[in-house]
Amino acid sequence: PDRHEPDEGEVNFSYLMKLIDTLGYDGWVGGEYIP
């Protein structure tokens, strides 16, 4: 919930990044967070 780096917190972003690939998304993923 803290809007820091996406490798922390309650969301499994590693899984979601693989899913995004599987779904064929070819755009950009922006890191919009507060380090």
PDB file of all heavy atoms in Angstrom:
ATOM      1  N   PRO A   1       0.781  -1.247   0.000  1.00  0.00           N
ATOM      2  CA  PRO A   1       0.000   0.000   0.000  1.00  0.00           C
ATOM      3  C   PRO A   1       0.808   1.290   0.000  1.00  0.00           C
ATOM      4  O   PRO A   1       0.207   2.367  -0.033  1.00  0.00           O
ATOM      5  CB  PRO A   1      -0.777  -0.106   1.316  1.00  0.00           C
ATOM      6  CG  PRO A   1       0.199  -0.792   2.237  1.00  0.00           C
ATOM      7  CD  PRO A   1       0.936  -1.784   1.374  1.00  0.00           C
ATOM      8  N   ASP A   2       2.142   1.235   0.053  1.00  0.00           N
ATOM      9  CA  ASP A   2       2.923   2.439   0.349  1.00  0.00           C
ATOM     10  C   ASP A   2       3.460   3.172  -0.881  1.00  0.00           C
ATOM     11  O   ASP A   2       4.130   4.190  -0.744  1.00  0.00           O
ATOM     12  CB  ASP A   2       4.096   2.079   1.265  1.00  0.00           C
ATOM     13  CG  ASP A   2       3.613   1.589   2.623  1.00  0.00           C
ATOM     14  OD1 ASP A   2       2.619   2.144   3.126  1.00  0.00           O
ATOM     15  OD2 ASP A   2       4.218   0.646   3.172  1.00  0.00           O
ATOM     16  N   ARG A   3       3.192   2.679  -2.059  1.00  0.00           N
ATOM     17  CA  ARG A   3       3.596   3.292  -3.324  1.00  0.00           C
ATOM     18  C   ARG A   3       5.113   3.424  -3.458  1.00  0.00           C
ATOM     19  O   ARG A   3       5.620   4.380  -4.040  1.00  0.00           O
ATOM     20  CB  ARG A   3       2.910   4.641  -3.540  1.00  0.00           C
ATOM     21  CG  ARG A   3       2.736   4.955  -5.028  1.00  0.00           C
ATOM     22  CD  ARG A   3       1.886   6.178  -5.289  1.00  0.00           C
ATOM     23  NE  ARG A   3       1.513   6.225  -6.707  1.00  0.00           N
ATOM     24  CZ  ARG A   3       0.742   7.170  -7.251  1.00  0.00           C
ATOM     25  NH1 ARG A   3       0.266   8.140  -6.504  1.00  0.00           N
ATOM     26  NH2 ARG A   3       0.456   7.126  -8.529  1.00  0.00           N
ATOM     27  N   HIS A   4       5.823   2.437  -2.926  1.00  0.00           N
ATOM     28  CA  HIS A   4       7.265   2.372  -3.130  1.00  0.00           C
ATOM     29  C   HIS A   4       7.566   1.382  -4.262  1.00  0.00           C
ATOM     30  O   HIS A   4       6.702   1.132  -5.107  1.00  0.00           O
ATOM     31  CB  HIS A   4       7.967   1.985  -1.835  1.00  0.00           C
ATOM     32  CG  HIS A   4       7.817   3.000  -0.736  1.00  0.00           C
ATOM     33  ND1 HIS A   4       7.943   4.355  -0.951  1.00  0.00           N
ATOM     34  CD2 HIS A   4       7.544   2.847   0.591  1.00  0.00           C
ATOM     35  CE1 HIS A   4       7.766   5.006   0.185  1.00  0.00           C
ATOM     36  NE2 HIS A   4       7.508   4.121   1.132  1.00  0.00           N
ATOM     37  N   GLU A   5       8.761   0.854  -4.278  1.00  0.00           N
ATOM     38  CA  GLU A   5       9.166  -0.068  -5.333  1.00  0.00           C
ATOM     39  C   GLU A   5       8.174  -1.224  -5.470  1.00  0.00           C
ATOM     40  O   GLU A   5       7.614  -1.697  -4.466  1.00  0.00           O
ATOM     41  CB  GLU A   5      10.563  -0.625  -5.044  1.00  0.00           C
ATOM     42  CG  GLU A   5      11.696   0.327  -5.384  1.00  0.00           C
ATOM     43  CD  GLU A   5      11.974   1.400  -4.350  1.00  0.00           C
ATOM     44  OE1 GLU A   5      11.201   1.521  -3.389  1.00  0.00           O
ATOM     45  OE2 GLU A   5      12.963   2.146  -4.520  1.00  0.00           O
ATOM     46  N   PRO A   6       7.950  -1.692  -6.695  1.00  0.00           N
ATOM     47  CA  PRO A   6       6.936  -2.722  -6.913  1.00  0.00           C
ATOM     48  C   PRO A   6       7.342  -4.125  -6.474  1.00  0.00           C
ATOM     49  O   PRO A   6       6.545  -5.057  -6.629  1.00  0.00           O
ATOM     50  CB  PRO A   6       6.709  -2.670  -8.431  1.00  0.00           C
ATOM     51  CG  PRO A   6       7.983  -2.141  -8.983  1.00  0.00           C
ATOM     52  CD  PRO A   6       8.493  -1.168  -7.957  1.00  0.00           C
ATOM     53  N   ASP A   7       8.534  -4.300  -5.918  1.00  0.00           N
ATOM     54  CA  ASP A   7       8.906  -5.625  -5.423  1.00  0.00           C
ATOM     55  C   ASP A   7       8.658  -5.744  -3.926  1.00  0.00           C
ATOM     56  O   ASP A   7       9.174  -6.648  -3.268  1.00  0.00           O
ATOM     57  CB  ASP A   7      10.361  -5.959  -5.754  1.00  0.00           C
ATOM     58  CG  ASP A   7      11.348  -4.913  -5.263  1.00  0.00           C
ATOM     59  OD1 ASP A   7      10.919  -3.917  -4.639  1.00  0.00           O
ATOM     60  OD2 ASP A   7      12.554  -5.083  -5.508  1.00  0.00           O
ATOM     61  N   GLU A   8       7.844  -4.834  -3.365  1.00  0.00           N
ATOM     62  CA  GLU A   8       7.445  -4.944  -1.968  1.00  0.00           C
ATOM     63  C   GLU A   8       5.941  -4.772  -1.857  1.00  0.00           C
ATOM     64  O   GLU A   8       5.286  -4.251  -2.756  1.00  0.00           O
ATOM     65  CB  GLU A   8       8.122  -3.878  -1.102  1.00  0.00           C
ATOM     66  CG  GLU A   8       7.612  -2.463  -1.336  1.00  0.00           C
ATOM     67  CD  GLU A   8       8.004  -1.502  -0.221  1.00  0.00           C
ATOM     68  OE1 GLU A   8       9.072  -1.702   0.381  1.00  0.00           O
ATOM     69  OE2 GLU A   8       7.244  -0.561   0.045  1.00  0.00           O
ATOM     70  N   GLY A   9       5.387  -5.253  -0.755  1.00  0.00           N
ATOM     71  CA  GLY A   9       3.968  -5.040  -0.516  1.00  0.00           C
ATOM     72  C   GLY A   9       3.128  -6.264  -0.820  1.00  0.00           C
ATOM     73  O   GLY A   9       3.613  -7.383  -0.940  1.00  0.00           O
ATOM     74  N   GLU A  10       1.831  -6.025  -0.988  1.00  0.00           N
ATOM     75  CA  GLU A  10       0.855  -7.114  -1.009  1.00  0.00           C
ATOM     76  C   GLU A  10       0.598  -7.710  -2.382  1.00  0.00           C
ATOM     77  O   GLU A  10      -0.157  -8.690  -2.490  1.00  0.00           O
ATOM     78  CB  GLU A  10      -0.471  -6.606  -0.431  1.00  0.00           C
ATOM     79  CG  GLU A  10      -1.157  -5.536  -1.278  1.00  0.00           C
ATOM     80  CD  GLU A  10      -2.285  -4.823  -0.541  1.00  0.00           C
ATOM     81  OE1 GLU A  10      -2.093  -4.503   0.650  1.00  0.00           O
ATOM     82  OE2 GLU A  10      -3.333  -4.603  -1.145  1.00  0.00           O
ATOM     83  N   VAL A  11       1.164  -7.155  -3.433  1.00  0.00           N
ATOM     84  CA  VAL A  11       0.886  -7.623  -4.787  1.00  0.00           C
ATOM     85  C   VAL A  11       2.074  -8.428  -5.322  1.00  0.00           C
ATOM     86  O   VAL A  11       3.230  -8.003  -5.215  1.00  0.00           O
ATOM     87  CB  VAL A  11       0.605  -6.437  -5.731  1.00  0.00           C
ATOM     88  CG1 VAL A  11       0.390  -6.922  -7.160  1.00  0.00           C
ATOM     89  CG2 VAL A  11      -0.620  -5.651  -5.247  1.00  0.00           C
ATOM     90  N   ASN A  12       1.782  -9.560  -5.930  1.00  0.00           N
ATOM     91  CA  ASN A  12       2.809 -10.404  -6.550  1.00  0.00           C
ATOM     92  C   ASN A  12       3.050  -9.913  -7.981  1.00  0.00           C
ATOM     93  O   ASN A  12       2.506 -10.455  -8.949  1.00  0.00           O
ATOM     94  CB  ASN A  12       2.374 -11.868  -6.539  1.00  0.00           C
ATOM     95  CG  ASN A  12       3.453 -12.812  -7.062  1.00  0.00           C
ATOM     96  OD1 ASN A  12       4.460 -12.375  -7.611  1.00  0.00           O
ATOM     97  ND2 ASN A  12       3.240 -14.106  -6.901  1.00  0.00           N
ATOM     98  N   PHE A  13       3.860  -8.877  -8.100  1.00  0.00           N
ATOM     99  CA  PHE A  13       4.093  -8.294  -9.413  1.00  0.00           C
ATOM    100  C   PHE A  13       4.901  -9.214 -10.327  1.00  0.00           C
ATOM    101  O   PHE A  13       4.753  -9.139 -11.557  1.00  0.00           O
ATOM    102  CB  PHE A  13       4.776  -6.936  -9.286  1.00  0.00           C
ATOM    103  CG  PHE A  13       3.828  -5.819  -8.953  1.00  0.00           C
ATOM    104  CD1 PHE A  13       3.906  -5.145  -7.747  1.00  0.00           C
ATOM    105  CD2 PHE A  13       2.860  -5.425  -9.855  1.00  0.00           C
ATOM    106  CE1 PHE A  13       3.031  -4.113  -7.441  1.00  0.00           C
ATOM    107  CE2 PHE A  13       1.978  -4.399  -9.570  1.00  0.00           C
ATOM    108  CZ  PHE A  13       2.061  -3.735  -8.357  1.00  0.00           C
ATOM    109  N   SER A  14       5.742 -10.060  -9.786  1.00  0.00           N
ATOM    110  CA  SER A  14       6.467 -11.013 -10.639  1.00  0.00           C
ATOM    111  C   SER A  14       5.487 -11.866 -11.429  1.00  0.00           C
ATOM    112  O   SER A  14       5.656 -12.093 -12.638  1.00  0.00           O
ATOM    113  CB  SER A  14       7.388 -11.894  -9.788  1.00  0.00           C
ATOM    114  OG  SER A  14       8.420 -11.141  -9.208  1.00  0.00           O
ATOM    115  N   TYR A  15       4.472 -12.348 -10.753  1.00  0.00           N
ATOM    116  CA  TYR A  15       3.429 -13.140 -11.423  1.00  0.00           C
ATOM    117  C   TYR A  15       2.701 -12.308 -12.467  1.00  0.00           C
ATOM    118  O   TYR A  15       2.454 -12.755 -13.593  1.00  0.00           O
ATOM    119  CB  TYR A  15       2.442 -13.672 -10.383  1.00  0.00           C
ATOM    120  CG  TYR A  15       1.187 -14.250 -10.978  1.00  0.00           C
ATOM    121  CD1 TYR A  15       1.184 -15.528 -11.532  1.00  0.00           C
ATOM    122  CD2 TYR A  15      -0.001 -13.509 -10.995  1.00  0.00           C
ATOM    123  CE1 TYR A  15       0.031 -16.061 -12.085  1.00  0.00           C
ATOM    124  CE2 TYR A  15      -1.157 -14.032 -11.547  1.00  0.00           C
ATOM    125  CZ  TYR A  15      -1.142 -15.302 -12.091  1.00  0.00           C
ATOM    126  OH  TYR A  15      -2.276 -15.820 -12.650  1.00  0.00           O
ATOM    127  N   LEU A  16       2.352 -11.073 -12.102  1.00  0.00           N
ATOM    128  CA  LEU A  16       1.585 -10.242 -13.026  1.00  0.00           C
ATOM    129  C   LEU A  16       2.401  -9.842 -14.246  1.00  0.00           C
ATOM    130  O   LEU A  16       1.856  -9.735 -15.351  1.00  0.00           O
ATOM    131  CB  LEU A  16       1.067  -9.000 -12.294  1.00  0.00           C
ATOM    132  CG  LEU A  16       0.008  -9.259 -11.215  1.00  0.00           C
ATOM    133  CD1 LEU A  16      -0.350  -7.955 -10.507  1.00  0.00           C
ATOM    134  CD2 LEU A  16      -1.235  -9.912 -11.792  1.00  0.00           C
ATOM    135  N   MET A  17       3.702  -9.624 -14.090  1.00  0.00           N
ATOM    136  CA  MET A  17       4.525  -9.296 -15.252  1.00  0.00           C
ATOM    137  C   MET A  17       4.568 -10.459 -16.234  1.00  0.00           C
ATOM    138  O   MET A  17       4.500 -10.275 -17.458  1.00  0.00           O
ATOM    139  CB  MET A  17       5.942  -8.923 -14.808  1.00  0.00           C
ATOM    140  CG  MET A  17       6.050  -7.609 -14.033  1.00  0.00           C
ATOM    141  SD  MET A  17       5.373  -6.166 -14.895  1.00  0.00           S
ATOM    142  CE  MET A  17       3.846  -5.914 -13.972  1.00  0.00           C
ATOM    143  N   LYS A  18       4.644 -11.674 -15.725  1.00  0.00           N
ATOM    144  CA  LYS A  18       4.605 -12.848 -16.606  1.00  0.00           C
ATOM    145  C   LYS A  18       3.249 -12.961 -17.294  1.00  0.00           C
ATOM    146  O   LYS A  18       3.163 -13.298 -18.477  1.00  0.00           O
ATOM    147  CB  LYS A  18       4.912 -14.107 -15.797  1.00  0.00           C
ATOM    148  CG  LYS A  18       6.334 -14.172 -15.275  1.00  0.00           C
ATOM    149  CD  LYS A  18       6.547 -15.368 -14.362  1.00  0.00           C
ATOM    150  CE  LYS A  18       7.951 -15.360 -13.763  1.00  0.00           C
ATOM    151  NZ  LYS A  18       8.141 -16.474 -12.781  1.00  0.00           N
ATOM    152  N   LEU A  19       2.194 -12.678 -16.552  1.00  0.00           N
ATOM    153  CA  LEU A  19       0.859 -12.719 -17.135  1.00  0.00           C
ATOM    154  C   LEU A  19       0.713 -11.680 -18.240  1.00  0.00           C
ATOM    155  O   LEU A  19       0.136 -11.962 -19.306  1.00  0.00           O
ATOM    156  CB  LEU A  19      -0.190 -12.479 -16.048  1.00  0.00           C
ATOM    157  CG  LEU A  19      -1.641 -12.386 -16.525  1.00  0.00           C
ATOM    158  CD1 LEU A  19      -2.083 -13.678 -17.195  1.00  0.00           C
ATOM    159  CD2 LEU A  19      -2.563 -12.027 -15.360  1.00  0.00           C
ATOM    160  N   ILE A  20       1.212 -10.472 -17.998  1.00  0.00           N
ATOM    161  CA  ILE A  20       1.138  -9.420 -19.010  1.00  0.00           C
ATOM    162  C   ILE A  20       1.834  -9.860 -20.292  1.00  0.00           C
ATOM    163  O   ILE A  20       1.338  -9.627 -21.405  1.00  0.00           O
ATOM    164  CB  ILE A  20       1.745  -8.119 -18.450  1.00  0.00           C
ATOM    165  CG1 ILE A  20       0.781  -7.497 -17.415  1.00  0.00           C
ATOM    166  CG2 ILE A  20       2.038  -7.116 -19.557  1.00  0.00           C
ATOM    167  CD1 ILE A  20       1.392  -6.388 -16.599  1.00  0.00           C
ATOM    168  N   ASP A  21       2.970 -10.525 -20.152  1.00  0.00           N
ATOM    169  CA  ASP A  21       3.652 -11.079 -21.323  1.00  0.00           C
ATOM    170  C   ASP A  21       2.783 -12.110 -22.021  1.00  0.00           C
ATOM    171  O   ASP A  21       2.633 -12.102 -23.256  1.00  0.00           O
ATOM    172  CB  ASP A  21       4.969 -11.734 -20.893  1.00  0.00           C
ATOM    173  CG  ASP A  21       6.163 -10.825 -21.091  1.00  0.00           C
ATOM    174  OD1 ASP A  21       6.000  -9.722 -21.642  1.00  0.00           O
ATOM    175  OD2 ASP A  21       7.273 -11.219 -20.697  1.00  0.00           O
ATOM    176  N   THR A  22       2.225 -13.012 -21.246  1.00  0.00           N
ATOM    177  CA  THR A  22       1.397 -14.072 -21.809  1.00  0.00           C
ATOM    178  C   THR A  22       0.204 -13.512 -22.568  1.00  0.00           C
ATOM    179  O   THR A  22      -0.212 -14.064 -23.604  1.00  0.00           O
ATOM    180  CB  THR A  22       0.890 -15.003 -20.680  1.00  0.00           C
ATOM    181  OG1 THR A  22       1.996 -15.578 -20.003  1.00  0.00           O
ATOM    182  CG2 THR A  22       0.004 -16.113 -21.239  1.00  0.00           C
ATOM    183  N   LEU A  23      -0.327 -12.408 -22.092  1.00  0.00           N
ATOM    184  CA  LEU A  23      -1.488 -11.792 -22.726  1.00  0.00           C
ATOM    185  C   LEU A  23      -1.130 -10.982 -23.961  1.00  0.00           C
ATOM    186  O   LEU A  23      -2.011 -10.442 -24.637  1.00  0.00           O
ATOM    187  CB  LEU A  23      -2.214 -10.907 -21.711  1.00  0.00           C
ATOM    188  CG  LEU A  23      -2.859 -11.653 -20.523  1.00  0.00           C
ATOM    189  CD1 LEU A  23      -3.414 -10.666 -19.513  1.00  0.00           C
ATOM    190  CD2 LEU A  23      -3.948 -12.599 -20.999  1.00  0.00           C
ATOM    191  N   GLY A  24       0.154 -10.863 -24.244  1.00  0.00           N
ATOM    192  CA  GLY A  24       0.589 -10.230 -25.481  1.00  0.00           C
ATOM    193  C   GLY A  24       0.703  -8.723 -25.442  1.00  0.00           C
ATOM    194  O   GLY A  24       0.794  -8.078 -26.497  1.00  0.00           O
ATOM    195  N   TYR A  25       0.742  -8.138 -24.253  1.00  0.00           N
ATOM    196  CA  TYR A  25       0.898  -6.686 -24.157  1.00  0.00           C
ATOM    197  C   TYR A  25       2.284  -6.284 -24.637  1.00  0.00           C
ATOM    198  O   TYR A  25       3.302  -6.818 -24.182  1.00  0.00           O
ATOM    199  CB  TYR A  25       0.695  -6.242 -22.708  1.00  0.00           C
ATOM    200  CG  TYR A  25       0.898  -4.765 -22.478  1.00  0.00           C
ATOM    201  CD1 TYR A  25      -0.038  -3.839 -22.919  1.00  0.00           C
ATOM    202  CD2 TYR A  25       2.023  -4.288 -21.805  1.00  0.00           C
ATOM    203  CE1 TYR A  25       0.133  -2.483 -22.703  1.00  0.00           C
ATOM    204  CE2 TYR A  25       2.202  -2.934 -21.579  1.00  0.00           C
ATOM    205  CZ  TYR A  25       1.256  -2.033 -22.035  1.00  0.00           C
ATOM    206  OH  TYR A  25       1.437  -0.685 -21.823  1.00  0.00           O
ATOM    207  N   ASP A  26       2.347  -5.340 -25.570  1.00  0.00           N
ATOM    208  CA  ASP A  26       3.640  -4.934 -26.127  1.00  0.00           C
ATOM    209  C   ASP A  26       3.956  -3.463 -25.866  1.00  0.00           C
ATOM    210  O   ASP A  26       4.848  -2.890 -26.479  1.00  0.00           O
ATOM    211  CB  ASP A  26       3.690  -5.210 -27.633  1.00  0.00           C
ATOM    212  CG  ASP A  26       2.639  -4.440 -28.426  1.00  0.00           C
ATOM    213  OD1 ASP A  26       1.812  -3.725 -27.806  1.00  0.00           O
ATOM    214  OD2 ASP A  26       2.627  -4.555 -29.666  1.00  0.00           O
ATOM    215  N   GLY A  27       3.196  -2.830 -24.957  1.00  0.00           N
ATOM    216  CA  GLY A  27       3.443  -1.432 -24.632  1.00  0.00           C
ATOM    217  C   GLY A  27       4.424  -1.287 -23.483  1.00  0.00           C
ATOM    218  O   GLY A  27       5.108  -2.230 -23.091  1.00  0.00           O
ATOM    219  N   TRP A  28       4.457  -0.092 -22.938  1.00  0.00           N
ATOM    220  CA  TRP A  28       5.359   0.213 -21.828  1.00  0.00           C
ATOM    221  C   TRP A  28       4.666  -0.022 -20.488  1.00  0.00           C
ATOM    222  O   TRP A  28       3.455   0.149 -20.365  1.00  0.00           O
ATOM    223  CB  TRP A  28       5.814   1.669 -21.901  1.00  0.00           C
ATOM    224  CG  TRP A  28       6.702   1.953 -23.063  1.00  0.00           C
ATOM    225  CD1 TRP A  28       6.319   2.430 -24.289  1.00  0.00           C
ATOM    226  CD2 TRP A  28       8.117   1.780 -23.128  1.00  0.00           C
ATOM    227  NE1 TRP A  28       7.416   2.555 -25.106  1.00  0.00           N
ATOM    228  CE2 TRP A  28       8.528   2.166 -24.426  1.00  0.00           C
ATOM    229  CE3 TRP A  28       9.076   1.337 -22.216  1.00  0.00           C
ATOM    230  CZ2 TRP A  28       9.851   2.127 -24.829  1.00  0.00           C
ATOM    231  CZ3 TRP A  28      10.400   1.304 -22.616  1.00  0.00           C
ATOM    232  CH2 TRP A  28      10.787   1.689 -23.902  1.00  0.00           C
ATOM    233  N   VAL A  29       5.469  -0.376 -19.496  1.00  0.00           N
ATOM    234  CA  VAL A  29       5.032  -0.439 -18.110  1.00  0.00           C
ATOM    235  C   VAL A  29       5.799   0.639 -17.354  1.00  0.00           C
ATOM    236  O   VAL A  29       7.029   0.591 -17.254  1.00  0.00           O
ATOM    237  CB  VAL A  29       5.298  -1.822 -17.485  1.00  0.00           C
ATOM    238  CG1 VAL A  29       4.948  -1.810 -15.991  1.00  0.00           C
ATOM    239  CG2 VAL A  29       4.494  -2.902 -18.208  1.00  0.00           C
ATOM    240  N   GLY A  30       5.078   1.625 -16.839  1.00  0.00           N
ATOM    241  CA  GLY A  30       5.721   2.742 -16.161  1.00  0.00           C
ATOM    242  C   GLY A  30       5.884   2.468 -14.676  1.00  0.00           C
ATOM    243  O   GLY A  30       4.950   2.033 -14.004  1.00  0.00           O
ATOM    244  N   GLY A  31       7.071   2.739 -14.172  1.00  0.00           N
ATOM    245  CA  GLY A  31       7.307   2.668 -12.731  1.00  0.00           C
ATOM    246  C   GLY A  31       6.913   3.989 -12.100  1.00  0.00           C
ATOM    247  O   GLY A  31       7.737   4.904 -11.984  1.00  0.00           O
ATOM    248  N   GLU A  32       5.660   4.096 -11.688  1.00  0.00           N
ATOM    249  CA  GLU A  32       5.153   5.346 -11.122  1.00  0.00           C
ATOM    250  C   GLU A  32       5.088   5.187  -9.602  1.00  0.00           C
ATOM    251  O   GLU A  32       4.023   4.971  -9.026  1.00  0.00           O
ATOM    252  CB  GLU A  32       3.773   5.698 -11.691  1.00  0.00           C
ATOM    253  CG  GLU A  32       3.360   7.121 -11.327  1.00  0.00           C
ATOM    254  CD  GLU A  32       1.944   7.458 -11.759  1.00  0.00           C
ATOM    255  OE1 GLU A  32       1.034   6.653 -11.523  1.00  0.00           O
ATOM    256  OE2 GLU A  32       1.755   8.551 -12.334  1.00  0.00           O
ATOM    257  N   TYR A  33       6.239   5.299  -8.975  1.00  0.00           N
ATOM    258  CA  TYR A  33       6.299   5.075  -7.532  1.00  0.00           C
ATOM    259  C   TYR A  33       7.277   6.033  -6.880  1.00  0.00           C
ATOM    260  O   TYR A  33       8.100   6.672  -7.547  1.00  0.00           O
ATOM    261  CB  TYR A  33       6.685   3.619  -7.235  1.00  0.00           C
ATOM    262  CG  TYR A  33       8.087   3.227  -7.665  1.00  0.00           C
ATOM    263  CD1 TYR A  33       9.194   3.456  -6.860  1.00  0.00           C
ATOM    264  CD2 TYR A  33       8.302   2.586  -8.886  1.00  0.00           C
ATOM    265  CE1 TYR A  33      10.475   3.083  -7.241  1.00  0.00           C
ATOM    266  CE2 TYR A  33       9.577   2.206  -9.286  1.00  0.00           C
ATOM    267  CZ  TYR A  33      10.657   2.451  -8.462  1.00  0.00           C
ATOM    268  OH  TYR A  33      11.930   2.087  -8.849  1.00  0.00           O
ATOM    269  N   ILE A  34       7.187   6.103  -5.545  1.00  0.00           N
ATOM    270  CA  ILE A  34       8.070   6.961  -4.746  1.00  0.00           C
ATOM    271  C   ILE A  34       9.168   6.079  -4.158  1.00  0.00           C
ATOM    272  O   ILE A  34       8.899   5.237  -3.300  1.00  0.00           O
ATOM    273  CB  ILE A  34       7.287   7.644  -3.611  1.00  0.00           C
ATOM    274  CG1 ILE A  34       6.120   8.461  -4.184  1.00  0.00           C
ATOM    275  CG2 ILE A  34       8.210   8.531  -2.782  1.00  0.00           C
ATOM    276  CD1 ILE A  34       5.118   8.890  -3.140  1.00  0.00           C
ATOM    277  N   PRO A  35      10.392   6.202  -4.605  1.00  0.00           N
ATOM    278  CA  PRO A  35      11.465   5.338  -4.094  1.00  0.00           C
ATOM    279  C   PRO A  35      11.637   5.460  -2.585  1.00  0.00           C
ATOM    280  O   PRO A  35      11.455   6.533  -1.998  1.00  0.00           O
ATOM    281  CB  PRO A  35      12.697   5.833  -4.848  1.00  0.00           C
ATOM    282  CG  PRO A  35      12.155   6.465  -6.095  1.00  0.00           C
ATOM    283  CD  PRO A  35      10.872   7.101  -5.668  1.00  0.00           C
TER     284      PRO A  35
END
